[in-house]
C-alpha atoms as a PDB file:
ATOM      1  CA  UNK A   1     -45.699 -32.907   8.304  1.00  0.00           C
ATOM      2  CA  UNK A   2     -47.091 -32.088  11.759  1.00  0.00           C
ATOM      3  CA  UNK A   3     -44.017 -30.010  12.509  1.00  0.00           C
ATOM      4  CA  UNK A   4     -44.498 -28.032   9.288  1.00  0.00           C
ATOM      5  CA  UNK A   5     -48.162 -27.389  10.097  1.00  0.00           C
ATOM      6  CA  UNK A   6     -47.192 -26.244  13.574  1.00  0.00           C
ATOM      7  CA  UNK A   7     -44.697 -23.741  12.152  1.00  0.00           C
ATOM      8  CA  UNK A   8     -47.274 -22.415   9.671  1.00  0.00           C
ATOM      9  CA  UNK A   9     -49.884 -22.023  12.414  1.00  0.00           C
ATOM     10  CA  UNK A  10     -47.357 -20.195  14.587  1.00  0.00           C
ATOM     11  CA  UNK A  11     -46.431 -17.789  11.770  1.00  0.00           C
ATOM     12  CA  UNK A  12     -50.104 -17.114  10.994  1.00  0.00           C
ATOM     13  CA  UNK A  13     -50.722 -16.339  14.665  1.00  0.00           C
ATOM     14  CA  UNK A  14     -47.770 -13.954  14.735  1.00  0.00           C
ATOM     15  CA  UNK A  15     -49.112 -12.276  11.589  1.00  0.00           C
ATOM     16  CA  UNK A  16     -52.509 -11.575  13.141  1.00  0.00           C
ATOM     17  CA  UNK A  17     -50.925 -10.358  16.367  1.00  0.00           C
ATOM     18  CA  UNK A  18     -48.837  -7.888  14.368  1.00  0.00           C
ATOM     19  CA  UNK A  19     -51.951  -6.734  12.543  1.00  0.00           C
ATOM     20  CA  UNK A  20     -53.621  -5.985  15.870  1.00  0.00           C
ATOM     21  CA  UNK A  21     -50.587  -4.241  17.354  1.00  0.00           C
ATOM     22  CA  UNK A  22     -50.049  -1.996  14.341  1.00  0.00           C
ATOM     23  CA  UNK A  23     -53.716  -1.112  13.974  1.00  0.00           C
ATOM     24  CA  UNK A  24     -53.810  -2.523  10.449  1.00  0.00           C
ATOM     25  CA  UNK A  25     -56.547  -4.952  11.470  1.00  0.00           C
ATOM     26  CA  UNK A  26     -58.902  -2.095  12.384  1.00  0.00           C
ATOM     27  CA  UNK A  27     -58.009  -0.307   9.167  1.00  0.00           C
ATOM     28  CA  UNK A  28     -58.878  -3.382   7.088  1.00  0.00           C
ATOM     29  CA  UNK A  29     -62.268  -3.768   8.796  1.00  0.00           C
ATOM     30  CA  UNK A  30     -63.245  -0.220   7.803  1.00  0.00           C
ATOM     31  CA  UNK A  31     -62.366  -0.670   4.138  1.00  0.00           C
ATOM     32  CA  UNK A  32     -64.646  -1.734   1.335  1.00  0.00           C
ATOM     33  CA  UNK A  33     -63.875  -5.322   0.145  1.00  0.00           C
ATOM     34  CA  UNK A  34     -63.423  -4.150  -3.449  1.00  0.00           C
ATOM     35  CA  UNK A  35     -60.910  -1.535  -2.357  1.00  0.00           C
ATOM     36  CA  UNK A  36     -58.996  -4.135  -0.354  1.00  0.00           C
ATOM     37  CA  UNK A  37     -58.804  -6.420  -3.387  1.00  0.00           C
ATOM     38  CA  UNK A  38     -57.403  -3.558  -5.466  1.00  0.00           C
ATOM     39  CA  UNK A  39     -54.788  -2.863  -2.792  1.00  0.00           C
ATOM     40  CA  UNK A  40     -53.741  -6.511  -2.753  1.00  0.00           C
ATOM     41  CA  UNK A  41     -53.603  -6.606  -6.567  1.00  0.00           C
ATOM     42  CA  UNK A  42     -51.213  -3.652  -6.488  1.00  0.00           C
ATOM     43  CA  UNK A  43     -49.084  -4.742  -3.542  1.00  0.00           C
ATOM     44  CA  UNK A  44     -48.436  -8.369  -4.533  1.00  0.00           C
ATOM     45  CA  UNK A  45     -46.814  -7.636  -7.934  1.00  0.00           C
ATOM     46  CA  UNK A  46     -44.895  -4.781  -6.318  1.00  0.00           C
ATOM     47  CA  UNK A  47     -43.515  -7.135  -3.684  1.00  0.00           C
ATOM     48  CA  UNK A  48     -42.389  -9.649  -6.310  1.00  0.00           C
ATOM     49  CA  UNK A  49     -40.787  -6.873  -8.370  1.00  0.00           C
ATOM     50  CA  UNK A  50     -38.839  -5.565  -5.370  1.00  0.00           C
ATOM     51  CA  UNK A  51     -37.748  -9.086  -4.440  1.00  0.00           C
ATOM     52  CA  UNK A  52     -36.578  -9.788  -7.982  1.00  0.00           C
ATOM     53  CA  UNK A  53     -34.744  -6.456  -8.166  1.00  0.00           C
ATOM     54  CA  UNK A  54     -32.895  -7.176  -4.928  1.00  0.00           C
ATOM     55  CA  UNK A  55     -31.875 -10.574  -6.316  1.00  0.00           C
ATOM     56  CA  UNK A  56     -30.488  -8.955  -9.467  1.00  0.00           C
ATOM     57  CA  UNK A  57     -28.576  -6.428  -7.365  1.00  0.00           C
ATOM     58  CA  UNK A  58     -27.004  -9.294  -5.400  1.00  0.00           C
ATOM     59  CA  UNK A  59     -26.065 -11.112  -8.620  1.00  0.00           C
ATOM     60  CA  UNK A  60     -24.619  -7.910 -10.065  1.00  0.00           C
ATOM     61  CA  UNK A  61     -22.455  -7.390  -6.982  1.00  0.00           C
ATOM     62  CA  UNK A  62     -21.182 -10.975  -7.161  1.00  0.00           C
ATOM     63  CA  UNK A  63     -20.469 -10.586 -10.887  1.00  0.00           C
ATOM     64  CA  UNK A  64     -18.588  -7.371 -10.230  1.00  0.00           C
ATOM     65  CA  UNK A  65     -16.441  -9.104  -7.614  1.00  0.00           C
ATOM     66  CA  UNK A  66     -15.597 -11.834 -10.130  1.00  0.00           C
ATOM     67  CA  UNK A  67     -14.761  -9.220 -12.772  1.00  0.00           C
ATOM     68  CA  UNK A  68     -12.465  -7.423 -10.332  1.00  0.00           C
ATOM     69  CA  UNK A  69     -10.792 -10.735  -9.505  1.00  0.00           C
ATOM     70  CA  UNK A  70     -10.267 -11.531 -13.195  1.00  0.00           C
ATOM     71  CA  UNK A  71      -8.890  -8.047 -13.888  1.00  0.00           C
ATOM     72  CA  UNK A  72      -6.474  -8.419 -11.000  1.00  0.00           C
ATOM     73  CA  UNK A  73      -5.276 -11.725 -12.429  1.00  0.00           C
ATOM     74  CA  UNK A  74      -4.885 -10.216 -15.898  1.00  0.00           C
ATOM     75  CA  UNK A  75      -2.862  -7.331 -14.491  1.00  0.00           C
ATOM     76  CA  UNK A  76      -0.719  -9.809 -12.597  1.00  0.00           C
ATOM     77  CA  UNK A  77      -0.133 -11.818 -15.779  1.00  0.00           C
ATOM     78  CA  UNK A  78       0.705  -8.725 -17.809  1.00  0.00           C
ATOM     79  CA  UNK A  79       2.720  -6.869 -15.215  1.00  0.00           C
ATOM     80  CA  UNK A  80       3.407  -9.145 -12.268  1.00  0.00           C
ATOM     81  CA  UNK A  81       4.969 -12.265 -13.777  1.00  0.00           C
ATOM     82  CA  UNK A  82       8.410 -10.688 -13.967  1.00  0.00           C
ATOM     83  CA  UNK A  83       8.149  -9.583 -10.343  1.00  0.00           C
ATOM     84  CA  UNK A  84       7.239 -13.107  -9.293  1.00  0.00           C
ATOM     85  CA  UNK A  85      10.117 -14.590 -11.280  1.00  0.00           C
ATOM     86  CA  UNK A  86      12.523 -12.037  -9.824  1.00  0.00           C
ATOM     87  CA  UNK A  87      11.271 -12.962  -6.364  1.00  0.00           C
ATOM     88  CA  UNK A  88      12.060 -16.605  -7.070  1.00  0.00           C
ATOM     89  CA  UNK A  89      15.491 -15.766  -8.459  1.00  0.00           C
ATOM     90  CA  UNK A  90      16.346 -13.608  -5.440  1.00  0.00           C
ATOM     91  CA  UNK A  91      15.350 -16.397  -3.093  1.00  0.00           C
ATOM     92  CA  UNK A  92      17.361 -18.969  -5.028  1.00  0.00           C
ATOM     93  CA  UNK A  93      20.450 -16.794  -4.941  1.00  0.00           C
ATOM     94  CA  UNK A  94      20.326 -16.463  -1.163  1.00  0.00           C
ATOM     95  CA  UNK A  95      18.707 -19.747  -0.158  1.00  0.00           C
ATOM     96  CA  UNK A  96      20.836 -21.624   2.374  1.00  0.00           C
ATOM     97  CA  UNK A  97      18.302 -23.950   3.969  1.00  0.00           C
ATOM     98  CA  UNK A  98      14.987 -24.119   5.780  1.00  0.00           C
ATOM     99  CA  UNK A  99      15.821 -21.082   7.918  1.00  0.00           C
ATOM    100  CA  UNK A 100      15.332 -18.915   4.840  1.00  0.00           C
ATOM    101  CA  UNK A 101      11.988 -20.516   4.005  1.00  0.00           C
ATOM    102  CA  UNK A 102      10.235 -17.841   6.060  1.00  0.00           C
ATOM    103  CA  UNK A 103      10.411 -15.736   2.891  1.00  0.00           C
ATOM    104  CA  UNK A 104       7.601 -17.712   1.283  1.00  0.00           C
ATOM    105  CA  UNK A 105       5.687 -18.096   4.554  1.00  0.00           C
ATOM    106  CA  UNK A 106       4.822 -14.395   4.376  1.00  0.00           C
ATOM    107  CA  UNK A 107       3.439 -14.482   0.817  1.00  0.00           C
ATOM    108  CA  UNK A 108      -0.214 -13.900   0.036  1.00  0.00           C
ATOM    109  CA  UNK A 109      -2.211 -16.586  -1.743  1.00  0.00           C
ATOM    110  CA  UNK A 110      -1.799 -15.419  -5.346  1.00  0.00           C
ATOM    111  CA  UNK A 111       1.845 -14.488  -4.864  1.00  0.00           C
ATOM    112  CA  UNK A 112       2.518 -17.967  -3.520  1.00  0.00           C
ATOM    113  CA  UNK A 113       0.779 -19.529  -6.539  1.00  0.00           C
ATOM    114  CA  UNK A 114       2.957 -17.620  -9.010  1.00  0.00           C
ATOM    115  CA  UNK A 115       6.004 -18.342  -6.895  1.00  0.00           C
ATOM    116  CA  UNK A 116       5.266 -22.083  -7.052  1.00  0.00           C
ATOM    117  CA  UNK A 117       4.517 -21.898 -10.780  1.00  0.00           C
ATOM    118  CA  UNK A 118       7.949 -20.403 -11.462  1.00  0.00           C
ATOM    119  CA  UNK A 119       9.565 -23.045  -9.272  1.00  0.00           C
ATOM    120  CA  UNK A 120       7.858 -25.810 -11.239  1.00  0.00           C
ATOM    121  CA  UNK A 121       9.138 -24.332 -14.497  1.00  0.00           C
ATOM    122  CA  UNK A 122      12.669 -24.389 -13.091  1.00  0.00           C
ATOM    123  CA  UNK A 123      12.174 -28.044 -12.105  1.00  0.00           C
ATOM    124  CA  UNK A 124      11.375 -29.310 -15.581  1.00  0.00           C
ATOM    125  CA  UNK A 125       7.596 -28.853 -15.674  1.00  0.00           C
ATOM    126  CA  UNK A 126       6.127 -27.543 -18.919  1.00  0.00           C
ATOM    127  CA  UNK A 127       2.871 -25.829 -19.927  1.00  0.00           C
ATOM    128  CA  UNK A 128       2.754 -24.292 -16.475  1.00  0.00           C
ATOM    129  CA  UNK A 129      -0.306 -22.096 -16.076  1.00  0.00           C
ATOM    130  CA  UNK A 130      -1.841 -20.351 -13.073  1.00  0.00           C
ATOM    131  CA  UNK A 131      -5.626 -20.650 -13.206  1.00  0.00           C
ATOM    132  CA  UNK A 132      -7.937 -17.705 -12.635  1.00  0.00           C
ATOM    133  CA  UNK A 133      -8.266 -16.649  -9.018  1.00  0.00           C
ATOM    134  CA  UNK A 134     -12.071 -16.736  -8.894  1.00  0.00           C
ATOM    135  CA  UNK A 135     -13.844 -20.015  -9.574  1.00  0.00           C
ATOM    136  CA  UNK A 136     -10.667 -22.024 -10.065  1.00  0.00           C
ATOM    137  CA  UNK A 137     -12.503 -25.256  -9.182  1.00  0.00           C
ATOM    138  CA  UNK A 138      -9.880 -26.248  -6.621  1.00  0.00           C
ATOM    139  CA  UNK A 139      -6.836 -26.114  -8.916  1.00  0.00           C
ATOM    140  CA  UNK A 140      -4.401 -23.186  -8.822  1.00  0.00           C
ATOM    141  CA  UNK A 141      -1.712 -24.426 -11.222  1.00  0.00           C
ATOM    142  CA  UNK A 142      -1.792 -26.666 -14.288  1.00  0.00           C
ATOM    143  CA  UNK A 143       1.516 -28.229 -15.296  1.00  0.00           C
ATOM    144  CA  UNK A 144       2.896 -31.195 -17.219  1.00  0.00           C
ATOM    145  CA  UNK A 145       5.959 -33.393 -16.867  1.00  0.00           C
ATOM    146  CA  UNK A 146       6.919 -36.665 -18.575  1.00  0.00           C
ATOM    147  CA  UNK A 147       3.575 -36.804 -20.345  1.00  0.00           C
ATOM    148  CA  UNK A 148       1.595 -36.439 -17.103  1.00  0.00           C
ATOM    149  CA  UNK A 149      -0.764 -33.510 -16.588  1.00  0.00           C
ATOM    150  CA  UNK A 150      -0.873 -32.249 -12.999  1.00  0.00           C
ATOM    151  CA  UNK A 151      -3.579 -30.228 -11.293  1.00  0.00           C
ATOM    152  CA  UNK A 152      -2.020 -28.503  -8.307  1.00  0.00           C
ATOM    153  CA  UNK A 153      -3.635 -26.652  -5.448  1.00  0.00           C
ATOM    154  CA  UNK A 154      -1.375 -24.253  -3.539  1.00  0.00           C
ATOM    155  CA  UNK A 155      -1.850 -23.532   0.155  1.00  0.00           C
ATOM    156  CA  UNK A 156       0.258 -20.943   1.947  1.00  0.00           C
ATOM    157  CA  UNK A 157      -0.966 -21.338   5.512  1.00  0.00           C
ATOM    158  CA  UNK A 158       0.255 -20.821   9.041  1.00  0.00           C
ATOM    159  CA  UNK A 159      -1.106 -24.212  10.137  1.00  0.00           C
ATOM    160  CA  UNK A 160      -1.090 -27.749   8.752  1.00  0.00           C
ATOM    161  CA  UNK A 161      -3.387 -28.636   5.861  1.00  0.00           C
ATOM    162  CA  UNK A 162      -6.538 -30.712   6.403  1.00  0.00           C
ATOM    163  CA  UNK A 163      -8.982 -32.711   4.315  1.00  0.00           C
ATOM    164  CA  UNK A 164     -10.617 -29.818   2.479  1.00  0.00           C
ATOM    165  CA  UNK A 165      -7.609 -29.085   0.283  1.00  0.00           C
ATOM    166  CA  UNK A 166      -7.333 -32.754  -0.683  1.00  0.00           C
ATOM    167  CA  UNK A 167     -11.020 -32.914  -1.581  1.00  0.00           C
ATOM    168  CA  UNK A 168     -10.831 -29.759  -3.684  1.00  0.00           C
ATOM    169  CA  UNK A 169      -7.738 -30.933  -5.556  1.00  0.00           C
ATOM    170  CA  UNK A 170      -9.322 -34.312  -6.279  1.00  0.00           C
ATOM    171  CA  UNK A 171     -12.466 -32.626  -7.595  1.00  0.00           C
ATOM    172  CA  UNK A 172     -10.461 -30.117  -9.668  1.00  0.00           C
ATOM    173  CA  UNK A 173      -8.469 -32.922 -11.300  1.00  0.00           C
ATOM    174  CA  UNK A 174     -11.618 -34.175 -12.998  1.00  0.00           C
ATOM    175  CA  UNK A 175     -12.742 -30.687 -14.006  1.00  0.00           C
ATOM    176  CA  UNK A 176      -9.417 -29.888 -15.722  1.00  0.00           C
ATOM    177  CA  UNK A 177      -8.977 -33.424 -17.128  1.00  0.00           C
ATOM    178  CA  UNK A 178      -5.693 -33.962 -15.290  1.00  0.00           C
ATOM    179  CA  UNK A 179      -3.967 -37.295 -14.708  1.00  0.00           C
ATOM    180  CA  UNK A 180      -2.809 -36.436 -11.201  1.00  0.00           C
ATOM    181  CA  UNK A 181      -3.959 -34.060  -8.461  1.00  0.00           C
ATOM    182  CA  UNK A 182      -1.596 -32.649  -5.870  1.00  0.00           C
ATOM    183  CA  UNK A 183      -1.512 -30.142  -3.025  1.00  0.00           C
ATOM    184  CA  UNK A 184       1.603 -28.004  -2.636  1.00  0.00           C
ATOM    185  CA  UNK A 185       2.034 -26.151   0.637  1.00  0.00           C
ATOM    186  CA  UNK A 186       4.507 -24.334   2.857  1.00  0.00           C
ATOM    187  CA  UNK A 187       3.279 -26.450   5.770  1.00  0.00           C
ATOM    188  CA  UNK A 188       2.645 -30.148   6.443  1.00  0.00           C
ATOM    189  CA  UNK A 189      -0.502 -32.276   6.340  1.00  0.00           C
ATOM    190  CA  UNK A 190      -2.721 -33.647   9.071  1.00  0.00           C
ATOM    191  CA  UNK A 191      -2.979 -37.417   9.547  1.00  0.00           C
ATOM    192  CA  UNK A 192      -6.548 -37.321   8.252  1.00  0.00           C
ATOM    193  CA  UNK A 193      -5.499 -35.470   5.094  1.00  0.00           C
ATOM    194  CA  UNK A 194      -2.765 -38.021   4.447  1.00  0.00           C
ATOM    195  CA  UNK A 195      -5.223 -40.876   4.827  1.00  0.00           C
ATOM    196  CA  UNK A 196      -7.720 -39.262   2.449  1.00  0.00           C
ATOM    197  CA  UNK A 197      -5.034 -38.419  -0.098  1.00  0.00           C
ATOM    198  CA  UNK A 198      -3.781 -41.996  -0.115  1.00  0.00           C
ATOM    199  CA  UNK A 199      -7.256 -43.361  -0.815  1.00  0.00           C
ATOM    200  CA  UNK A 200      -7.920 -40.782  -3.566  1.00  0.00           C
ATOM    201  CA  UNK A 201      -4.478 -40.882  -5.170  1.00  0.00           C
ATOM    202  CA  UNK A 202      -3.737 -37.204  -4.431  1.00  0.00           C
ATOM    203  CA  UNK A 203      -0.051 -36.286  -4.126  1.00  0.00           C
ATOM    204  CA  UNK A 204       0.900 -34.302  -1.035  1.00  0.00           C
ATOM    205  CA  UNK A 205       3.833 -31.947  -1.569  1.00  0.00           C
ATOM    206  CA  UNK A 206       4.716 -30.490   1.808  1.00  0.00           C
ATOM    207  CA  UNK A 207       7.271 -27.997   3.105  1.00  0.00           C
ATOM    208  CA  UNK A 208      10.153 -30.416   2.601  1.00  0.00           C
ATOM    209  CA  UNK A 209       9.149 -30.977  -1.028  1.00  0.00           C
ATOM    210  CA  UNK A 210       8.862 -27.213  -1.566  1.00  0.00           C
ATOM    211  CA  UNK A 211      12.378 -26.694  -0.236  1.00  0.00           C
ATOM    212  CA  UNK A 212      13.636 -29.433  -2.575  1.00  0.00           C
ATOM    213  CA  UNK A 213      12.067 -27.603  -5.516  1.00  0.00           C
ATOM    214  CA  UNK A 214      13.949 -24.474  -4.463  1.00  0.00           C
ATOM    215  CA  UNK A 215      17.226 -26.347  -4.041  1.00  0.00           C
ATOM    216  CA  UNK A 216      16.871 -28.149  -7.377  1.00  0.00           C
ATOM    217  CA  UNK A 217      16.148 -24.872  -9.156  1.00  0.00           C
ATOM    218  CA  UNK A 218      19.321 -23.302  -7.789  1.00  0.00           C
END
């Protein structure tokens, strides 16, 4: 409480100093009290209106970004699925081992998600669906196998995967009403991520598992 009062007192002092420096203080002293009240009555609602308008502009920009993200996903679904499947098929035709895995290391996030989705289909998973890119709640792919619904987060990174991905997958499992959460990556997992995944029941599918999916689909 004392700290809060100190901050308020400091801000009030700064305010009056600024009034003196800008000459506003002298201006106020020369004005009629009624006129000052009218000025305040006009300025306060104006300030709130400007503040609210700026907030709406920020929300509009965020909404537009989400719309652009959704449109990109829709275009990918309508036009890009075949490209992703062809990319998988080309890799499978030429895959000879982990030395060729660099092909998926260079994929962007969404491309990697569709790549993994096609791999899962070729490995017996059904009802495979890539979630929307924006606001996916930590799950990138939904899939089912042997009566089990999986919520899968895909991570195409240049370094090993930490706790955050495990936490997001675990949270997304509940949101999408999945039986099992998993993280599929082109890398490996840190010791901390493995420990967290074991306690939360999250499956960790690392680079070796990804290569097995490719080999099994061949």
